[in-house]
């Protein structure tokens, strides 16, 4: 299976949302297991469409290569086309007919952003561009309260199953769950009552923030007739590959020295420290054992609220010395030093 999401749908990186949707429909028909296709390939096609049809997740993928696989909800940006509706129309399957009750706030949308250790140490700003749907302002003078649901967007329906009657709630089919009806057509939104807008949020990572910490943008998801308020946009910070290990406020590093250096001393120069400053550790006193840990105070990660820095812990691995015989003179000299 191609690793690139664009290759899975056989579209170029600059493909439009409509081209991605059409390509997905084509590939889904081709590889759907009910049509004799490969289940794993079909799963990869699904994953590609889920990411590339969401403007925000697509931007994160283009910048970082992260698929953001643990996104929990689709917020209507970009394609805005949920999978159950697609398969309902393509294969006659279920899932598209499930009714939802109107709730106060819509679901949140979550995406991962991969950052380097240097980004966490020094701080970082990332502009996230995405599309979302909002209520059409031009429709205010072209609509009135729906008489079928009395503006609630929800209808109570009595259904009989055998000898019993059940009461269920479902979106009003007259106003499509919006609670209002158009009295005249709207040219701006084509009477859909929602328009798509371009939006930008700036995720500010400040020194002291941690991996897996969330940055929440309240109400930045798409508006919808099913909810009174849009959900939140949640950005989760992830740490990219690094030779340093980050624990609490401290950095940990393993370094190999020779047997000679463990006795006579050594200098370790670090040019890749996340502070962007060269760090130098000098050791000149006393022998060291394998696994010894030296600490560089204040050379770890920033603490929260600007309250200082953690430490850099360097664990030493001592390489095995060459096996060469000692002369009597060398042995006598070593014995005089160790006495």
Protein backbone atom coordinates (compact mmCIF):
# COMPACT_ATOMS: atom_id res chain seq x y z
CA UNK A 1 0.00 0.00 0.00
CA UNK A 2 1.41 3.45 -0.87
CA UNK A 3 2.61 5.35 2.19
CA UNK A 4 1.55 8.74 0.83
CA UNK A 5 -2.12 9.56 1.41
CA UNK A 6 -2.23 11.29 -1.98
CA UNK A 7 -0.90 8.17 -3.70
CA UNK A 8 -3.60 6.05 -2.04
CA UNK A 9 -6.25 8.21 -3.75
CA UNK A 10 -4.11 8.67 -6.90
CA UNK A 11 -4.30 12.47 -6.74
CA UNK A 12 -1.56 15.14 -6.79
CA UNK A 13 -0.66 17.04 -3.60
CA UNK A 14 -2.37 20.16 -4.91
CA UNK A 15 -5.70 18.42 -5.58
CA UNK A 16 -8.86 20.33 -4.71
CA UNK A 17 -11.42 19.12 -2.17
CA UNK A 18 -13.77 18.15 -5.01
CA UNK A 19 -11.03 16.17 -6.78
CA UNK A 20 -10.19 14.35 -3.55
CA UNK A 21 -13.84 13.48 -2.97
CA UNK A 22 -14.27 12.16 -6.53
CA UNK A 23 -11.05 10.15 -6.28
CA UNK A 24 -12.19 8.65 -3.00
CA UNK A 25 -15.53 7.59 -4.46
CA UNK A 26 -13.71 5.93 -7.36
CA UNK A 27 -11.16 4.12 -5.18
CA UNK A 28 -13.81 3.09 -2.63
CA UNK A 29 -15.90 1.44 -5.34
CA UNK A 30 -12.82 -0.29 -6.72
CA UNK A 31 -11.52 -1.70 -3.43
CA UNK A 32 -14.67 -2.17 -1.32
CA UNK A 33 -14.68 -5.73 0.14
CA UNK A 34 -18.34 -6.20 -0.84
CA UNK A 35 -17.23 -5.71 -4.44
CA UNK A 36 -14.35 -8.18 -4.20
CA UNK A 37 -11.69 -5.64 -3.22
CA UNK A 38 -8.84 -5.90 -0.72
CA UNK A 39 -9.95 -4.97 2.82
CA UNK A 40 -6.55 -3.53 3.83
CA UNK A 41 -6.32 -1.36 0.72
CA UNK A 42 -9.88 -0.17 1.31
CA UNK A 43 -8.99 0.72 4.91
CA UNK A 44 -6.01 2.75 3.66
CA UNK A 45 -8.24 4.59 1.17
CA UNK A 46 -10.66 5.42 4.00
CA UNK A 47 -7.84 6.76 6.15
CA UNK A 48 -6.49 8.91 3.31
CA UNK A 49 -9.88 10.49 2.66
CA UNK A 50 -10.54 11.09 6.36
CA UNK A 51 -7.34 13.17 6.61
CA UNK A 52 -7.29 14.91 3.21
CA UNK A 53 -10.97 15.92 3.31
CA UNK A 54 -10.36 17.86 6.54
CA UNK A 55 -8.53 21.12 5.74
CA UNK A 56 -6.90 21.41 9.14
CA UNK A 57 -5.69 17.79 9.30
CA UNK A 58 -4.53 18.00 5.68
CA UNK A 59 -2.44 21.07 6.49
CA UNK A 60 -0.84 19.32 9.47
CA UNK A 61 -0.13 16.26 7.26
CA UNK A 62 1.44 18.42 4.51
CA UNK A 63 3.68 20.20 7.04
CA UNK A 64 4.66 17.34 9.33
CA UNK A 65 3.70 14.08 7.63
CA UNK A 66 1.55 13.25 10.67
CA UNK A 67 -1.74 11.50 9.91
CA UNK A 68 -3.20 12.60 13.28
CA UNK A 69 -4.85 9.25 13.58
CA UNK A 70 -6.55 9.87 16.89
CA UNK A 71 -8.86 12.60 15.65
CA UNK A 72 -12.14 12.00 17.36
CA UNK A 73 -14.67 13.98 15.37
CA UNK A 74 -14.95 15.41 11.90
CA UNK A 75 -15.91 19.08 12.18
CA UNK A 76 -17.22 19.76 8.72
CA UNK A 77 -14.22 21.58 7.25
CA UNK A 78 -13.02 20.81 3.72
CA UNK A 79 -14.99 17.83 2.42
CA UNK A 80 -17.50 17.83 5.26
CA UNK A 81 -18.77 14.47 3.98
CA UNK A 82 -19.17 11.74 6.65
CA UNK A 83 -18.41 8.14 5.67
CA UNK A 84 -21.83 6.64 6.55
CA UNK A 85 -23.57 8.95 4.07
CA UNK A 86 -21.14 8.00 1.31
CA UNK A 87 -21.60 4.25 1.75
CA UNK A 88 -25.33 4.60 2.16
CA UNK A 89 -25.54 6.13 -1.31
CA UNK A 90 -22.92 3.85 -2.88
CA UNK A 91 -23.81 0.44 -1.47
CA UNK A 92 -27.20 0.93 0.15
CA UNK A 93 -25.74 0.34 3.63
CA UNK A 94 -26.96 1.75 6.92
CA UNK A 95 -25.42 4.40 9.10
CA UNK A 96 -26.73 7.47 7.28
CA UNK A 97 -30.21 7.28 8.73
CA UNK A 98 -29.34 7.51 12.41
CA UNK A 99 -31.14 10.44 13.98
CA UNK A 100 -29.43 12.70 16.50
CA UNK A 101 -30.97 14.92 19.10
CA UNK A 102 -30.10 18.59 19.16
CA UNK A 103 -27.48 19.35 21.83
CA UNK A 104 -26.12 22.56 23.29
CA UNK A 105 -22.56 22.24 21.94
CA UNK A 106 -21.10 20.36 19.02
CA UNK A 107 -18.28 17.80 19.29
CA UNK A 108 -14.67 18.88 19.46
CA UNK A 109 -12.20 18.25 16.66
CA UNK A 110 -8.69 17.10 17.63
CA UNK A 111 -5.48 17.10 15.61
CA UNK A 112 -1.83 16.37 16.42
CA UNK A 113 1.07 18.74 15.73
CA UNK A 114 4.58 17.26 15.75
CA UNK A 115 7.25 19.55 17.24
CA UNK A 116 10.98 19.24 17.78
CA UNK A 117 12.61 19.38 21.21
CA UNK A 118 13.99 22.77 20.16
CA UNK A 119 10.43 24.03 19.53
CA UNK A 120 9.40 23.05 23.06
CA UNK A 121 12.54 24.60 24.59
CA UNK A 122 12.42 27.98 22.85
CA UNK A 123 8.70 28.35 22.10
CA UNK A 124 6.99 28.16 18.72
CA UNK A 125 4.04 29.60 16.81
CA UNK A 126 2.13 27.67 14.16
CA UNK A 127 -0.60 29.19 11.99
CA UNK A 128 -3.36 26.70 11.22
CA UNK A 129 -5.47 27.54 8.15
CA UNK A 130 -8.77 25.72 7.73
CA UNK A 131 -12.33 26.09 6.47
CA UNK A 132 -15.47 25.95 8.55
CA UNK A 133 -19.17 26.58 8.08
CA UNK A 134 -21.03 29.40 9.82
CA UNK A 135 -24.61 30.63 9.68
CA UNK A 136 -25.34 32.79 6.66
CA UNK A 137 -25.87 36.39 7.81
CA UNK A 138 -27.82 37.19 4.63
CA UNK A 139 -30.54 34.69 5.58
CA UNK A 140 -31.73 36.62 8.65
CA UNK A 141 -34.20 38.67 6.61
CA UNK A 142 -35.24 35.71 4.49
CA UNK A 143 -36.42 33.27 7.16
CA UNK A 144 -38.96 32.74 9.93
CA UNK A 145 -39.55 30.25 12.72
CA UNK A 146 -40.54 26.79 11.54
CA UNK A 147 -44.13 26.05 12.46
CA UNK A 148 -43.67 22.29 12.26
CA UNK A 149 -41.19 22.11 15.17
CA UNK A 150 -41.90 25.56 16.66
CA UNK A 151 -38.30 26.61 16.19
CA UNK A 152 -36.77 23.75 18.16
CA UNK A 153 -35.43 21.84 15.17
CA UNK A 154 -36.63 18.58 16.75
CA UNK A 155 -39.89 16.70 16.26
CA UNK A 156 -41.37 14.07 18.58
CA UNK A 157 -42.68 11.10 16.61
CA UNK A 158 -44.80 8.21 17.87
CA UNK A 159 -43.99 4.86 16.27
CA UNK A 160 -45.81 1.56 16.72
CA UNK A 161 -43.86 -1.68 16.98
CA UNK A 162 -46.25 -4.58 17.39
CA UNK A 163 -48.65 -3.86 20.26
CA UNK A 164 -46.42 -1.13 21.74
CA UNK A 165 -45.96 2.56 20.98
CA UNK A 166 -42.56 4.24 21.16
CA UNK A 167 -41.80 7.95 21.32
CA UNK A 168 -38.69 9.11 19.48
CA UNK A 169 -37.14 12.46 18.64
CA UNK A 170 -35.67 13.30 15.27
CA UNK A 171 -34.60 16.40 13.34
CA UNK A 172 -37.50 18.25 11.78
CA UNK A 173 -37.74 17.26 8.12
CA UNK A 174 -39.42 20.55 7.22
CA UNK A 175 -36.55 22.83 8.32
CA UNK A 176 -33.85 20.11 8.35
CA UNK A 177 -33.26 20.64 12.05
CA UNK A 178 -32.51 24.36 11.81
CA UNK A 179 -35.66 25.60 13.53
CA UNK A 180 -36.35 28.18 10.80
CA UNK A 181 -37.75 28.13 7.28
CA UNK A 182 -36.70 30.29 4.38
CA UNK A 183 -39.36 32.71 3.19
CA UNK A 184 -37.33 33.57 0.11
CA UNK A 185 -34.23 32.22 -1.63
CA UNK A 186 -30.77 33.41 -0.55
CA UNK A 187 -28.22 33.88 -3.31
CA UNK A 188 -25.24 33.90 -0.94
CA UNK A 189 -25.73 30.43 0.53
CA UNK A 190 -28.19 29.10 -2.05
CA UNK A 191 -30.75 28.72 0.76
CA UNK A 192 -28.51 26.27 2.65
CA UNK A 193 -28.33 28.75 5.59
CA UNK A 194 -24.62 28.02 6.08
CA UNK A 195 -21.61 29.38 4.22
CA UNK A 196 -18.01 28.17 4.18
CA UNK A 197 -15.35 30.60 5.43
CA UNK A 198 -11.55 30.63 5.59
CA UNK A 199 -10.17 30.75 9.12
CA UNK A 200 -6.77 30.92 10.80
CA UNK A 201 -5.78 30.20 14.39
CA UNK A 202 -2.30 30.58 15.86
CA UNK A 203 -1.10 27.81 18.17
CA UNK A 204 1.40 29.37 20.58
CA UNK A 205 3.76 26.93 22.28
CA UNK A 206 5.47 28.65 25.21
CA UNK A 207 8.57 27.35 27.04
CA UNK A 208 7.49 25.05 29.84
CA UNK A 209 4.71 23.32 27.90
CA UNK A 210 4.85 19.54 27.73
CA UNK A 211 4.35 16.80 25.18
CA UNK A 212 0.68 15.69 24.90
CA UNK A 213 -0.48 19.04 26.27
CA UNK A 214 -3.53 20.52 24.52
CA UNK A 215 -4.14 23.97 23.11
CA UNK A 216 -7.89 24.58 22.91
CA UNK A 217 -9.60 27.07 20.59
CA UNK A 218 -13.14 27.42 21.87
CA UNK A 219 -15.97 27.31 19.35
CA UNK A 220 -13.72 27.08 16.28
CA UNK A 221 -15.45 24.08 14.70
CA UNK A 222 -18.20 24.39 12.11
CA UNK A 223 -21.67 25.51 13.13
CA UNK A 224 -24.47 23.06 12.41
CA UNK A 225 -28.24 22.79 12.81
CA UNK A 226 -27.82 19.88 15.23
CA UNK A 227 -26.09 21.99 17.88
CA UNK A 228 -26.66 25.36 19.51
CA UNK A 229 -22.92 26.17 19.58
CA UNK A 230 -19.92 24.88 17.62
CA UNK A 231 -17.42 22.54 19.25
CA UNK A 232 -13.84 23.31 20.19
CA UNK A 233 -10.72 22.86 18.08
CA UNK A 234 -8.13 20.94 20.13
CA UNK A 235 -4.45 20.89 19.12
CA UNK A 236 -2.36 18.19 20.82
CA UNK A 237 1.42 18.73 20.99
CA UNK A 238 3.57 15.73 20.06
CA UNK A 239 7.35 15.37 20.32
CA UNK A 240 9.29 14.34 17.23
CA UNK A 241 12.38 12.08 17.17
CA UNK A 242 15.33 13.19 19.34
CA UNK A 243 18.46 11.57 20.77
CA UNK A 244 17.66 13.27 24.07
CA UNK A 245 15.12 11.64 26.39
CA UNK A 246 12.77 14.08 28.11
CA UNK A 247 11.55 13.17 31.61
CA UNK A 248 9.83 15.78 33.78
CA UNK A 249 12.08 18.85 33.49
CA UNK A 250 15.27 16.88 32.85
CA UNK A 251 17.00 15.75 29.68
CA UNK A 252 18.78 12.40 29.55
CA UNK A 253 21.56 11.40 27.17
CA UNK A 254 23.81 8.36 26.83
CA UNK A 255 27.43 8.94 25.76
CA UNK A 256 30.27 6.47 25.17
CA UNK A 257 33.83 7.17 26.34
CA UNK A 258 37.02 5.11 26.18
CA UNK A 259 38.56 3.26 29.11
CA UNK A 260 41.46 5.73 28.99
CA UNK A 261 39.07 8.69 29.20
CA UNK A 262 37.29 7.15 32.18
CA UNK A 263 40.59 7.35 34.10
CA UNK A 264 42.35 10.44 32.72
CA UNK A 265 39.35 12.65 31.96
CA UNK A 266 37.51 13.86 28.86
CA UNK A 267 35.53 16.67 27.24
CA UNK A 268 32.02 16.21 25.78
CA UNK A 269 30.80 18.89 23.35
CA UNK A 270 27.09 19.03 22.50
CA UNK A 271 26.23 21.04 19.38
CA UNK A 272 22.61 19.86 19.16
CA UNK A 273 21.34 21.06 22.54
CA UNK A 274 17.74 22.37 22.18
CA UNK A 275 18.81 25.75 23.58
CA UNK A 276 20.68 26.30 20.28
CA UNK A 277 23.81 26.94 22.38
CA UNK A 278 26.84 24.67 22.49
CA UNK A 279 27.14 22.83 25.81
CA UNK A 280 30.50 21.53 27.07
CA UNK A 281 31.09 19.00 29.87
CA UNK A 282 34.67 18.63 31.18
CA UNK A 283 35.74 15.84 33.50
CA UNK A 284 39.28 15.69 34.83
CA UNK A 285 39.13 14.12 38.24
CA UNK A 286 39.10 10.49 39.28
CA UNK A 287 38.16 7.24 37.53
CA UNK A 288 34.55 6.58 36.54
CA UNK A 289 32.69 3.28 36.39
CA UNK A 290 30.51 2.03 33.55
CA UNK A 291 26.98 3.49 33.88
CA UNK A 292 28.02 6.53 35.90
CA UNK A 293 25.74 9.57 35.48
CA UNK A 294 27.08 13.12 35.36
CA UNK A 295 24.72 16.07 35.77
CA UNK A 296 24.86 19.47 34.08
CA UNK A 297 22.71 21.62 36.35
CA UNK A 298 20.24 23.95 34.66
CA UNK A 299 20.83 22.49 31.20
CA UNK A 300 17.55 20.61 30.98
CA UNK A 301 14.12 21.80 29.78
CA UNK A 302 12.33 24.99 30.90
CA UNK A 303 10.04 24.58 33.89
CA UNK A 304 6.46 25.82 33.89
CA UNK A 305 5.78 29.48 34.57
CA UNK A 306 9.42 30.44 33.94
CA UNK A 307 10.62 28.96 37.24
CA UNK A 308 14.02 27.83 36.00
CA UNK A 309 15.35 24.80 34.14
CA UNK A 310 15.81 21.13 34.80
CA UNK A 311 19.15 19.31 34.51
CA UNK A 312 20.93 17.42 31.76
CA UNK A 313 21.84 13.90 32.89
CA UNK A 314 24.58 12.18 30.88
CA UNK A 315 24.96 8.44 31.38
CA UNK A 316 28.43 7.12 30.51
CA UNK A 317 29.09 3.87 28.69
CA UNK A 318 32.75 2.85 28.88
CA UNK A 319 34.03 0.95 25.88
CA UNK A 320 36.06 -2.19 26.50
CA UNK A 321 39.82 -1.48 26.49
CA UNK A 322 42.10 -3.26 24.03
CA UNK A 323 43.51 -6.54 25.31
CA UNK A 324 47.29 -6.02 25.15
CA UNK A 325 49.91 -7.52 27.49
CA UNK A 326 51.64 -5.17 29.92
CA UNK A 327 55.38 -4.98 30.23
CA UNK A 328 56.88 -5.32 33.72
CA UNK A 329 57.65 -1.60 33.66
CA UNK A 330 54.03 -0.68 32.78
CA UNK A 331 52.69 -2.99 35.48
CA UNK A 332 55.00 -1.47 38.09
CA UNK A 333 53.94 2.04 37.07
CA UNK A 334 50.25 1.15 37.31
CA UNK A 335 50.73 -0.43 40.74
CA UNK A 336 52.46 2.70 41.99
CA UNK A 337 49.54 4.85 40.85
CA UNK A 338 46.84 2.62 42.34
CA UNK A 339 48.53 2.20 45.72
